[in-house]
Amino acid sequence: MSSGALTLPEGVEEYLLALDVERGLSSNTIEAYTRDLAQYLAFLDGAEPDQASVEGYVTHLRGEDLASSTVSRKLAAIRGLHRFLVIEGLRQTDPTLLLESPRRPEPFPKALTIDEVIHLVEAPDITTIKGRRDSALLEFLYATGARVSEAVGVDLGNIDLEDKVVIVTGKGAKQRLVPIGGKAVVAISRWLPDRLNLVRGSQRGDPLFLNLRGRRLSRQGIFEVVRANARKAGIQERKVSPHVLRHSAATHMVEAGADLRTVQEILGHATISTTQIYTKVSPAHLVEIYVQAHPRSK
């Protein structure tokens, strides 16, 4: 940026003014773009944007569980900003120029069947330390519907096996109390002596799930546990991920009659609208519910 040129926050002000005065966009759109660009500036934290930082921001957005339409709007805001700055001669380059357009949102991951989940969680060889750890982790993921980042962050002190509950820390450091089922309690109880030996050997921290070196199991480590046991269970790897287990847990609860507010609380969704995606159940289940519930169905 040459001496005397506008700073990026000043460029944002110019762009928003142009949107308001020259293009006559609605006040709601202007407000949305104002919020979007404020978030973009906060992400950059004073750094000059380049293609790498813009791509980093896109990755950040896609990891925030935002609706695809929201991500598209935020990307449109920063594309428009940088195009405006170049056209007006306020910047020489547009770091969004080579940014790929948002792809059509991928279909929501298909839930595993209950039989597939059973085969998956029973795949680990529980005669080994690794197998007992994998069994505890897989049962935990399916029992709680926890996000992978939440499973990474669970400490031993967060779980109460007697009361069958665990405190997980979700987005925005918000904590919630989540029940865990009997199968998960058994698997975790079976893992704890191994965990204690690994912690003593490494003298590291208090995480519930460890790698075999005694360190907190990472996101990548959890993904690998899920994929490796999917292979053992004869399930296509591309069908399975920690998020698919979360989706499967929620889908199975809804199909079994759990109300959406309860599922929302368990999953840690900020709004009920996010939880409503799990109402997209199979046609056969839809007909079954209709026959049971509709007074004129028979």
C-alpha atoms as a PDB file:
ATOM      1  CA  MET A   1       0.000   0.000   0.000  1.00  0.00           C
ATOM      2  CA  SER A   2       1.483   3.303  -1.057  1.00  0.00           C
ATOM      3  CA  SER A   3       2.005   6.167   1.366  1.00  0.00           C
ATOM      4  CA  GLY A   4      -1.145   8.224   1.848  1.00  0.00           C
ATOM      5  CA  ALA A   5      -3.473   5.512   0.524  1.00  0.00           C
ATOM      6  CA  LEU A   6      -6.626   4.668   2.428  1.00  0.00           C
ATOM      7  CA  THR A   7      -6.374   2.042   5.115  1.00  0.00           C
ATOM      8  CA  LEU A   8      -8.575  -0.997   4.618  1.00  0.00           C
ATOM      9  CA  PRO A   9     -11.098   0.094   7.308  1.00  0.00           C
ATOM     10  CA  GLU A  10     -11.350   3.455   5.514  1.00  0.00           C
ATOM     11  CA  GLY A  11     -11.823   1.593   2.232  1.00  0.00           C
ATOM     12  CA  VAL A  12     -14.666  -0.368   3.828  1.00  0.00           C
ATOM     13  CA  GLU A  13     -16.342   2.903   4.838  1.00  0.00           C
ATOM     14  CA  GLU A  14     -16.043   4.200   1.257  1.00  0.00           C
ATOM     15  CA  TYR A  15     -17.489   0.970  -0.122  1.00  0.00           C
ATOM     16  CA  LEU A  16     -20.463   0.960   2.243  1.00  0.00           C
ATOM     17  CA  LEU A  17     -21.158   4.579   1.415  1.00  0.00           C
ATOM     18  CA  ALA A  18     -21.120   3.736  -2.289  1.00  0.00           C
ATOM     19  CA  LEU A  19     -23.517   0.847  -1.731  1.00  0.00           C
ATOM     20  CA  ASP A  20     -25.876   3.144   0.149  1.00  0.00           C
ATOM     21  CA  VAL A  21     -25.723   6.233  -2.063  1.00  0.00           C
ATOM     22  CA  GLU A  22     -24.958   4.934  -5.551  1.00  0.00           C
ATOM     23  CA  ARG A  23     -26.593   1.523  -5.632  1.00  0.00           C
ATOM     24  CA  GLY A  24     -29.513   2.225  -3.336  1.00  0.00           C
ATOM     25  CA  LEU A  25     -29.403  -1.124  -1.548  1.00  0.00           C
ATOM     26  CA  SER A  26     -31.883  -1.747   1.235  1.00  0.00           C
ATOM     27  CA  SER A  27     -30.974  -0.807   4.782  1.00  0.00           C
ATOM     28  CA  ASN A  28     -31.098  -4.488   5.788  1.00  0.00           C
ATOM     29  CA  THR A  29     -28.552  -5.391   3.108  1.00  0.00           C
ATOM     30  CA  ILE A  30     -26.292  -2.510   4.110  1.00  0.00           C
ATOM     31  CA  GLU A  31     -26.483  -3.574   7.744  1.00  0.00           C
ATOM     32  CA  ALA A  32     -25.644  -7.174   6.824  1.00  0.00           C
ATOM     33  CA  TYR A  33     -22.666  -6.078   4.704  1.00  0.00           C
ATOM     34  CA  THR A  34     -21.511  -3.793   7.522  1.00  0.00           C
ATOM     35  CA  ARG A  35     -21.486  -6.719   9.957  1.00  0.00           C
ATOM     36  CA  ASP A  36     -19.869  -9.038   7.408  1.00  0.00           C
ATOM     37  CA  LEU A  37     -17.046  -6.634   6.643  1.00  0.00           C
ATOM     38  CA  ALA A  38     -16.490  -5.852  10.321  1.00  0.00           C
ATOM     39  CA  GLN A  39     -16.007  -9.580  10.889  1.00  0.00           C
ATOM     40  CA  TYR A  40     -13.610  -9.722   7.929  1.00  0.00           C
ATOM     41  CA  LEU A  41     -11.540  -6.852   9.341  1.00  0.00           C
ATOM     42  CA  ALA A  42     -11.501  -8.512  12.760  1.00  0.00           C
ATOM     43  CA  PHE A  43     -10.217 -11.728  11.186  1.00  0.00           C
ATOM     44  CA  LEU A  44      -7.429  -9.844   9.380  1.00  0.00           C
ATOM     45  CA  ASP A  45      -6.545  -8.088  12.650  1.00  0.00           C
ATOM     46  CA  GLY A  46      -4.767  -5.211  10.936  1.00  0.00           C
ATOM     47  CA  ALA A  47      -2.902  -7.317   8.353  1.00  0.00           C
ATOM     48  CA  GLU A  48      -3.016  -6.425   4.680  1.00  0.00           C
ATOM     49  CA  PRO A  49      -5.183  -8.982   2.858  1.00  0.00           C
ATOM     50  CA  ASP A  50      -3.685 -11.309   0.273  1.00  0.00           C
ATOM     51  CA  GLN A  51      -4.978 -14.431  -1.424  1.00  0.00           C
ATOM     52  CA  ALA A  52      -3.775 -16.678   1.402  1.00  0.00           C
ATOM     53  CA  SER A  53      -5.487 -14.633   4.122  1.00  0.00           C
ATOM     54  CA  VAL A  54      -8.722 -14.460   2.116  1.00  0.00           C
ATOM     55  CA  GLU A  55      -8.649 -18.231   1.629  1.00  0.00           C
ATOM     56  CA  GLY A  56      -8.003 -18.563   5.359  1.00  0.00           C
ATOM     57  CA  TYR A  57     -11.084 -16.472   6.044  1.00  0.00           C
ATOM     58  CA  VAL A  58     -13.166 -18.663   3.729  1.00  0.00           C
ATOM     59  CA  THR A  59     -11.961 -21.753   5.598  1.00  0.00           C
ATOM     60  CA  HIS A  60     -12.823 -20.030   8.882  1.00  0.00           C
ATOM     61  CA  LEU A  61     -16.368 -19.293   7.660  1.00  0.00           C
ATOM     62  CA  ARG A  62     -16.940 -22.827   6.472  1.00  0.00           C
ATOM     63  CA  GLY A  63     -15.974 -24.153   9.875  1.00  0.00           C
ATOM     64  CA  GLU A  64     -18.569 -22.049  11.672  1.00  0.00           C
ATOM     65  CA  ASP A  65     -21.695 -24.142  10.917  1.00  0.00           C
ATOM     66  CA  LEU A  66     -23.173 -21.199   8.992  1.00  0.00           C
ATOM     67  CA  ALA A  67     -25.917 -21.601   6.417  1.00  0.00           C
ATOM     68  CA  SER A  68     -24.533 -21.773   2.881  1.00  0.00           C
ATOM     69  CA  SER A  69     -26.522 -18.645   1.995  1.00  0.00           C
ATOM     70  CA  THR A  70     -24.820 -16.761   4.853  1.00  0.00           C
ATOM     71  CA  VAL A  71     -21.353 -17.830   3.712  1.00  0.00           C
ATOM     72  CA  SER A  72     -22.207 -16.807   0.129  1.00  0.00           C
ATOM     73  CA  ARG A  73     -23.335 -13.357   1.301  1.00  0.00           C
ATOM     74  CA  LYS A  74     -20.191 -12.820   3.370  1.00  0.00           C
ATOM     75  CA  LEU A  75     -18.002 -13.803   0.414  1.00  0.00           C
ATOM     76  CA  ALA A  76     -20.006 -11.515  -1.870  1.00  0.00           C
ATOM     77  CA  ALA A  77     -19.344  -8.653   0.556  1.00  0.00           C
ATOM     78  CA  ILE A  78     -15.557  -9.083   0.521  1.00  0.00           C
ATOM     79  CA  ARG A  79     -15.457  -9.705  -3.243  1.00  0.00           C
ATOM     80  CA  GLY A  80     -17.449  -6.525  -3.796  1.00  0.00           C
ATOM     81  CA  LEU A  81     -15.200  -4.589  -1.432  1.00  0.00           C
ATOM     82  CA  HIS A  82     -11.957  -5.543  -3.154  1.00  0.00           C
ATOM     83  CA  ARG A  83     -13.365  -5.070  -6.656  1.00  0.00           C
ATOM     84  CA  PHE A  84     -14.558  -1.604  -5.635  1.00  0.00           C
ATOM     85  CA  LEU A  85     -11.157  -0.686  -4.186  1.00  0.00           C
ATOM     86  CA  VAL A  86      -9.376  -1.657  -7.426  1.00  0.00           C
ATOM     87  CA  ILE A  87     -11.908   0.086  -9.686  1.00  0.00           C
ATOM     88  CA  GLU A  88     -11.649   3.260  -7.611  1.00  0.00           C
ATOM     89  CA  GLY A  89      -7.867   3.122  -7.697  1.00  0.00           C
ATOM     90  CA  LEU A  90      -7.643   2.699  -3.938  1.00  0.00           C
ATOM     91  CA  ARG A  91      -5.845  -0.649  -4.240  1.00  0.00           C
ATOM     92  CA  GLN A  92      -3.718  -2.111  -6.996  1.00  0.00           C
ATOM     93  CA  THR A  93      -4.641  -5.756  -6.571  1.00  0.00           C
ATOM     94  CA  ASP A  94      -7.735  -7.801  -5.744  1.00  0.00           C
ATOM     95  CA  PRO A  95      -6.889 -10.736  -3.447  1.00  0.00           C
ATOM     96  CA  THR A  96     -10.279 -12.341  -4.181  1.00  0.00           C
ATOM     97  CA  LEU A  97      -9.674 -12.459  -7.944  1.00  0.00           C
ATOM     98  CA  LEU A  98      -8.566 -16.107  -7.989  1.00  0.00           C
ATOM     99  CA  LEU A  99     -10.887 -17.169  -5.208  1.00  0.00           C
ATOM    100  CA  GLU A 100     -13.107 -20.002  -6.338  1.00  0.00           C
ATOM    101  CA  SER A 101     -16.798 -19.237  -6.348  1.00  0.00           C
ATOM    102  CA  PRO A 102     -18.678 -20.996  -3.570  1.00  0.00           C
ATOM    103  CA  ARG A 103     -19.655 -24.445  -4.674  1.00  0.00           C
ATOM    104  CA  ARG A 104     -23.247 -25.537  -4.458  1.00  0.00           C
ATOM    105  CA  PRO A 105     -23.774 -26.691  -0.887  1.00  0.00           C
ATOM    106  CA  GLU A 106     -23.061 -30.369  -0.525  1.00  0.00           C
ATOM    107  CA  PRO A 107     -26.048 -32.497   0.511  1.00  0.00           C
ATOM    108  CA  PHE A 108     -26.313 -32.893   4.233  1.00  0.00           C
ATOM    109  CA  PRO A 109     -24.361 -36.035   5.168  1.00  0.00           C
ATOM    110  CA  LYS A 110     -26.469 -39.163   5.084  1.00  0.00           C
ATOM    111  CA  ALA A 111     -26.947 -40.696   8.489  1.00  0.00           C
ATOM    112  CA  LEU A 112     -25.662 -44.181   9.079  1.00  0.00           C
ATOM    113  CA  THR A 113     -28.255 -46.816   9.827  1.00  0.00           C
ATOM    114  CA  ILE A 114     -28.434 -48.070  13.396  1.00  0.00           C
ATOM    115  CA  ASP A 115     -26.927 -51.391  12.245  1.00  0.00           C
ATOM    116  CA  GLU A 116     -24.024 -49.542  10.602  1.00  0.00           C
ATOM    117  CA  VAL A 117     -23.382 -47.591  13.800  1.00  0.00           C
ATOM    118  CA  ILE A 118     -23.406 -50.814  15.824  1.00  0.00           C
ATOM    119  CA  HIS A 119     -20.884 -52.397  13.446  1.00  0.00           C
ATOM    120  CA  LEU A 120     -18.715 -49.269  13.661  1.00  0.00           C
ATOM    121  CA  VAL A 121     -18.649 -48.901  17.441  1.00  0.00           C
ATOM    122  CA  GLU A 122     -18.088 -52.637  17.892  1.00  0.00           C
ATOM    123  CA  ALA A 123     -15.238 -52.753  15.351  1.00  0.00           C
ATOM    124  CA  PRO A 124     -12.333 -51.959  17.741  1.00  0.00           C
ATOM    125  CA  ASP A 125     -10.383 -54.862  19.195  1.00  0.00           C
ATOM    126  CA  ILE A 126     -10.944 -54.301  22.903  1.00  0.00           C
ATOM    127  CA  THR A 127      -8.191 -56.774  23.826  1.00  0.00           C
ATOM    128  CA  THR A 128      -5.716 -53.957  23.010  1.00  0.00           C
ATOM    129  CA  ILE A 129      -5.147 -50.534  24.582  1.00  0.00           C
ATOM    130  CA  LYS A 130      -5.778 -48.816  21.249  1.00  0.00           C
ATOM    131  CA  GLY A 131      -8.969 -50.799  20.744  1.00  0.00           C
ATOM    132  CA  ARG A 132     -10.268 -49.899  24.196  1.00  0.00           C
ATOM    133  CA  ARG A 133      -9.488 -46.229  23.533  1.00  0.00           C
ATOM    134  CA  ASP A 134     -11.177 -46.372  20.119  1.00  0.00           C
ATOM    135  CA  SER A 135     -14.222 -48.105  21.575  1.00  0.00           C
ATOM    136  CA  ALA A 136     -14.585 -45.449  24.286  1.00  0.00           C
ATOM    137  CA  LEU A 137     -14.197 -42.629  21.767  1.00  0.00           C
ATOM    138  CA  LEU A 138     -16.656 -44.016  19.200  1.00  0.00           C
ATOM    139  CA  GLU A 139     -19.270 -44.766  21.856  1.00  0.00           C
ATOM    140  CA  PHE A 140     -18.770 -41.255  23.270  1.00  0.00           C
ATOM    141  CA  LEU A 141     -19.192 -39.564  19.872  1.00  0.00           C
ATOM    142  CA  TYR A 142     -22.392 -41.452  19.083  1.00  0.00           C
ATOM    143  CA  ALA A 143     -23.797 -41.198  22.623  1.00  0.00           C
ATOM    144  CA  THR A 144     -23.336 -37.439  22.896  1.00  0.00           C
ATOM    145  CA  GLY A 145     -23.476 -36.193  19.291  1.00  0.00           C
ATOM    146  CA  ALA A 146     -20.445 -34.078  20.218  1.00  0.00           C
ATOM    147  CA  ARG A 147     -18.513 -32.110  17.626  1.00  0.00           C
ATOM    148  CA  VAL A 148     -14.986 -33.334  17.025  1.00  0.00           C
ATOM    149  CA  SER A 149     -13.554 -30.178  18.643  1.00  0.00           C
ATOM    150  CA  GLU A 150     -15.728 -30.822  21.709  1.00  0.00           C
ATOM    151  CA  ALA A 151     -14.483 -34.413  21.996  1.00  0.00           C
ATOM    152  CA  VAL A 152     -10.893 -33.178  21.754  1.00  0.00           C
ATOM    153  CA  GLY A 153     -11.484 -30.748  24.626  1.00  0.00           C
ATOM    154  CA  VAL A 154     -13.189 -33.098  27.100  1.00  0.00           C
ATOM    155  CA  ASP A 155     -11.197 -33.598  30.296  1.00  0.00           C
ATOM    156  CA  LEU A 156     -11.579 -36.390  32.826  1.00  0.00           C
ATOM    157  CA  GLY A 157     -13.143 -33.979  35.312  1.00  0.00           C
ATOM    158  CA  ASN A 158     -15.911 -33.133  32.841  1.00  0.00           C
ATOM    159  CA  ILE A 159     -17.423 -36.611  32.935  1.00  0.00           C
ATOM    160  CA  ASP A 160     -19.541 -38.222  35.651  1.00  0.00           C
ATOM    161  CA  LEU A 161     -19.930 -41.922  34.916  1.00  0.00           C
ATOM    162  CA  GLU A 162     -22.169 -42.501  37.940  1.00  0.00           C
ATOM    163  CA  ASP A 163     -24.740 -39.913  36.839  1.00  0.00           C
ATOM    164  CA  LYS A 164     -24.048 -40.657  33.153  1.00  0.00           C
ATOM    165  CA  VAL A 165     -23.467 -37.054  32.108  1.00  0.00           C
ATOM    166  CA  VAL A 166     -20.617 -35.047  30.620  1.00  0.00           C
ATOM    167  CA  ILE A 167     -19.932 -31.321  30.348  1.00  0.00           C
ATOM    168  CA  VAL A 168     -18.837 -30.381  26.838  1.00  0.00           C
ATOM    169  CA  THR A 169     -17.572 -26.969  25.766  1.00  0.00           C
ATOM    170  CA  GLY A 170     -18.975 -25.828  22.448  1.00  0.00           C
ATOM    171  CA  LYS A 171     -18.782 -22.741  20.287  1.00  0.00           C
ATOM    172  CA  GLY A 172     -18.106 -19.492  22.064  1.00  0.00           C
ATOM    173  CA  ALA A 173     -16.829 -21.445  25.089  1.00  0.00           C
ATOM    174  CA  LYS A 174     -20.452 -22.270  25.974  1.00  0.00           C
ATOM    175  CA  GLN A 175     -20.766 -25.317  28.184  1.00  0.00           C
ATOM    176  CA  ARG A 176     -23.660 -27.730  28.209  1.00  0.00           C
ATOM    177  CA  LEU A 177     -24.544 -30.881  30.138  1.00  0.00           C
ATOM    178  CA  VAL A 178     -25.065 -33.889  27.881  1.00  0.00           C
ATOM    179  CA  PRO A 179     -26.278 -37.346  28.912  1.00  0.00           C
ATOM    180  CA  ILE A 180     -24.255 -40.409  27.941  1.00  0.00           C
ATOM    181  CA  GLY A 181     -25.734 -43.866  27.513  1.00  0.00           C
ATOM    182  CA  GLY A 182     -24.916 -47.103  29.272  1.00  0.00           C
ATOM    183  CA  LYS A 183     -22.852 -48.514  26.395  1.00  0.00           C
ATOM    184  CA  ALA A 184     -20.631 -45.430  26.409  1.00  0.00           C
ATOM    185  CA  VAL A 185     -20.253 -45.591  30.201  1.00  0.00           C
ATOM    186  CA  VAL A 186     -19.076 -49.208  29.962  1.00  0.00           C
ATOM    187  CA  ALA A 187     -16.608 -48.427  27.152  1.00  0.00           C
ATOM    188  CA  ILE A 188     -15.193 -45.357  28.910  1.00  0.00           C
ATOM    189  CA  SER A 189     -14.886 -47.220  32.226  1.00  0.00           C
ATOM    190  CA  ARG A 190     -12.961 -49.956  30.421  1.00  0.00           C
ATOM    191  CA  TRP A 191     -10.593 -47.347  28.917  1.00  0.00           C
ATOM    192  CA  LEU A 192      -9.836 -45.387  32.101  1.00  0.00           C
ATOM    193  CA  PRO A 193      -7.184 -47.743  33.569  1.00  0.00           C
ATOM    194  CA  ASP A 194      -5.251 -47.599  30.272  1.00  0.00           C
ATOM    195  CA  ARG A 195      -5.618 -43.839  30.217  1.00  0.00           C
ATOM    196  CA  LEU A 196      -4.257 -43.593  33.765  1.00  0.00           C
ATOM    197  CA  ASN A 197      -1.162 -45.589  32.816  1.00  0.00           C
ATOM    198  CA  LEU A 198      -0.553 -43.412  29.748  1.00  0.00           C
ATOM    199  CA  VAL A 199      -0.939 -40.199  31.745  1.00  0.00           C
ATOM    200  CA  ARG A 200       1.478 -41.445  34.411  1.00  0.00           C
ATOM    201  CA  GLY A 201       3.975 -42.334  31.749  1.00  0.00           C
ATOM    202  CA  SER A 202       3.805 -38.966  30.029  1.00  0.00           C
ATOM    203  CA  GLN A 203       2.891 -36.734  32.997  1.00  0.00           C
ATOM    204  CA  ARG A 204       0.678 -34.645  30.719  1.00  0.00           C
ATOM    205  CA  GLY A 205      -2.612 -32.948  31.520  1.00  0.00           C
ATOM    206  CA  ASP A 206      -6.084 -34.288  32.137  1.00  0.00           C
ATOM    207  CA  PRO A 207      -7.662 -35.049  28.707  1.00  0.00           C
ATOM    208  CA  LEU A 208     -10.165 -37.913  28.553  1.00  0.00           C
ATOM    209  CA  PHE A 209      -8.988 -39.182  25.170  1.00  0.00           C
ATOM    210  CA  LEU A 210      -5.265 -39.688  24.611  1.00  0.00           C
ATOM    211  CA  ASN A 211      -3.066 -40.893  21.815  1.00  0.00           C
ATOM    212  CA  LEU A 212      -0.758 -43.783  22.641  1.00  0.00           C
ATOM    213  CA  ARG A 213       2.024 -41.340  23.604  1.00  0.00           C
ATOM    214  CA  GLY A 214      -0.131 -40.007  26.426  1.00  0.00           C
ATOM    215  CA  ARG A 215      -0.978 -36.703  24.734  1.00  0.00           C
ATOM    216  CA  ARG A 216      -4.405 -35.227  24.070  1.00  0.00           C
ATOM    217  CA  LEU A 217      -5.931 -36.877  21.017  1.00  0.00           C
ATOM    218  CA  SER A 218      -6.095 -34.367  18.159  1.00  0.00           C
ATOM    219  CA  ARG A 219      -8.842 -33.667  15.627  1.00  0.00           C
ATOM    220  CA  GLN A 220      -6.806 -35.540  13.032  1.00  0.00           C
ATOM    221  CA  GLY A 221      -6.385 -38.430  15.437  1.00  0.00           C
ATOM    222  CA  ILE A 222     -10.141 -38.671  15.986  1.00  0.00           C
ATOM    223  CA  PHE A 223     -10.817 -38.595  12.241  1.00  0.00           C
ATOM    224  CA  GLU A 224      -8.332 -41.451  11.784  1.00  0.00           C
ATOM    225  CA  VAL A 225      -9.960 -43.509  14.566  1.00  0.00           C
ATOM    226  CA  VAL A 226     -13.342 -43.159  12.855  1.00  0.00           C
ATOM    227  CA  ARG A 227     -12.007 -43.974   9.384  1.00  0.00           C
ATOM    228  CA  ALA A 228      -9.877 -46.935  10.492  1.00  0.00           C
ATOM    229  CA  ASN A 229     -12.780 -48.535  12.315  1.00  0.00           C
ATOM    230  CA  ALA A 230     -15.137 -47.828   9.415  1.00  0.00           C
ATOM    231  CA  ARG A 231     -12.778 -49.883   7.252  1.00  0.00           C
ATOM    232  CA  LYS A 232     -12.846 -52.699   9.812  1.00  0.00           C
ATOM    233  CA  ALA A 233     -16.646 -52.532   9.921  1.00  0.00           C
ATOM    234  CA  GLY A 234     -16.899 -52.784   6.133  1.00  0.00           C
ATOM    235  CA  ILE A 235     -18.344 -49.279   5.762  1.00  0.00           C
ATOM    236  CA  GLN A 236     -17.094 -47.004   2.988  1.00  0.00           C
ATOM    237  CA  GLU A 237     -14.742 -44.462   4.541  1.00  0.00           C
ATOM    238  CA  ARG A 238     -16.231 -41.586   2.571  1.00  0.00           C
ATOM    239  CA  LYS A 239     -19.566 -42.251   4.286  1.00  0.00           C
ATOM    240  CA  VAL A 240     -18.156 -41.853   7.781  1.00  0.00           C
ATOM    241  CA  SER A 241     -16.665 -38.974   9.786  1.00  0.00           C
ATOM    242  CA  PRO A 242     -17.103 -37.625  13.316  1.00  0.00           C
ATOM    243  CA  HIS A 243     -19.720 -35.238  11.915  1.00  0.00           C
ATOM    244  CA  VAL A 244     -21.618 -38.132  10.340  1.00  0.00           C
ATOM    245  CA  LEU A 245     -21.715 -39.814  13.752  1.00  0.00           C
ATOM    246  CA  ARG A 246     -23.092 -36.572  15.226  1.00  0.00           C
ATOM    247  CA  HIS A 247     -25.682 -36.408  12.451  1.00  0.00           C
ATOM    248  CA  SER A 248     -26.563 -40.071  12.916  1.00  0.00           C
ATOM    249  CA  ALA A 249     -27.060 -39.661  16.673  1.00  0.00           C
ATOM    250  CA  ALA A 250     -29.403 -36.715  16.151  1.00  0.00           C
ATOM    251  CA  THR A 251     -31.320 -38.411  13.342  1.00  0.00           C
ATOM    252  CA  HIS A 252     -31.831 -41.593  15.333  1.00  0.00           C
ATOM    253  CA  MET A 253     -33.040 -39.627  18.371  1.00  0.00           C
ATOM    254  CA  VAL A 254     -35.566 -37.683  16.298  1.00  0.00           C
ATOM    255  CA  GLU A 255     -36.763 -40.809  14.519  1.00  0.00           C
ATOM    256  CA  ALA A 256     -37.266 -42.452  17.906  1.00  0.00           C
ATOM    257  CA  GLY A 257     -39.514 -39.597  19.010  1.00  0.00           C
ATOM    258  CA  ALA A 258     -37.194 -37.121  20.762  1.00  0.00           C
ATOM    259  CA  ASP A 259     -38.518 -33.570  20.591  1.00  0.00           C
ATOM    260  CA  LEU A 260     -36.455 -31.004  18.717  1.00  0.00           C
ATOM    261  CA  ARG A 261     -35.861 -28.785  21.743  1.00  0.00           C
ATOM    262  CA  THR A 262     -34.208 -31.673  23.587  1.00  0.00           C
ATOM    263  CA  VAL A 263     -32.058 -32.556  20.573  1.00  0.00           C
ATOM    264  CA  GLN A 264     -31.155 -28.869  20.183  1.00  0.00           C
ATOM    265  CA  GLU A 265     -29.941 -28.767  23.799  1.00  0.00           C
ATOM    266  CA  ILE A 266     -27.931 -31.980  23.438  1.00  0.00           C
ATOM    267  CA  LEU A 267     -26.236 -30.860  20.217  1.00  0.00           C
ATOM    268  CA  GLY A 268     -25.619 -27.295  21.373  1.00  0.00           C
ATOM    269  CA  HIS A 269     -27.361 -25.632  18.443  1.00  0.00           C
ATOM    270  CA  ALA A 270     -27.879 -21.907  18.887  1.00  0.00           C
ATOM    271  CA  THR A 271     -31.260 -21.967  17.127  1.00  0.00           C
ATOM    272  CA  ILE A 272     -33.984 -24.541  16.618  1.00  0.00           C
ATOM    273  CA  SER A 273     -33.838 -23.960  12.849  1.00  0.00           C
ATOM    274  CA  THR A 274     -30.482 -25.741  12.708  1.00  0.00           C
ATOM    275  CA  THR A 275     -31.944 -28.730  14.532  1.00  0.00           C
ATOM    276  CA  GLN A 276     -34.889 -28.903  12.141  1.00  0.00           C
ATOM    277  CA  ILE A 277     -32.675 -30.412   9.441  1.00  0.00           C
ATOM    278  CA  TYR A 278     -32.953 -33.672  11.354  1.00  0.00           C
ATOM    279  CA  THR A 279     -36.681 -33.801  10.656  1.00  0.00           C
ATOM    280  CA  LYS A 280     -35.825 -34.813   7.074  1.00  0.00           C
ATOM    281  CA  VAL A 281     -36.414 -38.447   7.869  1.00  0.00           C
ATOM    282  CA  SER A 282     -37.091 -41.333   5.517  1.00  0.00           C
ATOM    283  CA  PRO A 283     -40.436 -41.457   3.656  1.00  0.00           C
ATOM    284  CA  ALA A 284     -41.292 -44.742   5.378  1.00  0.00           C
ATOM    285  CA  HIS A 285     -40.767 -43.185   8.813  1.00  0.00           C
ATOM    286  CA  LEU A 286     -42.757 -40.130   7.724  1.00  0.00           C
ATOM    287  CA  VAL A 287     -45.718 -42.337   6.755  1.00  0.00           C
ATOM    288  CA  GLU A 288     -45.424 -44.257  10.023  1.00  0.00           C
ATOM    289  CA  ILE A 289     -45.575 -41.055  12.077  1.00  0.00           C
ATOM    290  CA  TYR A 290     -48.462 -39.755   9.971  1.00  0.00           C
ATOM    291  CA  VAL A 291     -50.479 -42.940  10.483  1.00  0.00           C
ATOM    292  CA  GLN A 292     -49.848 -42.785  14.234  1.00  0.00           C
ATOM    293  CA  ALA A 293     -50.565 -39.081  14.642  1.00  0.00           C
ATOM    294  CA  HIS A 294     -53.179 -37.950  12.120  1.00  0.00           C
ATOM    295  CA  PRO A 295     -56.787 -38.367  13.295  1.00  0.00           C
ATOM    296  CA  ARG A 296     -58.020 -39.123   9.749  1.00  0.00           C
ATOM    297  CA  SER A 297     -55.176 -41.395   8.672  1.00  0.00           C
ATOM    298  CA  LYS A 298     -57.065 -44.662   9.216  1.00  0.00           C
END
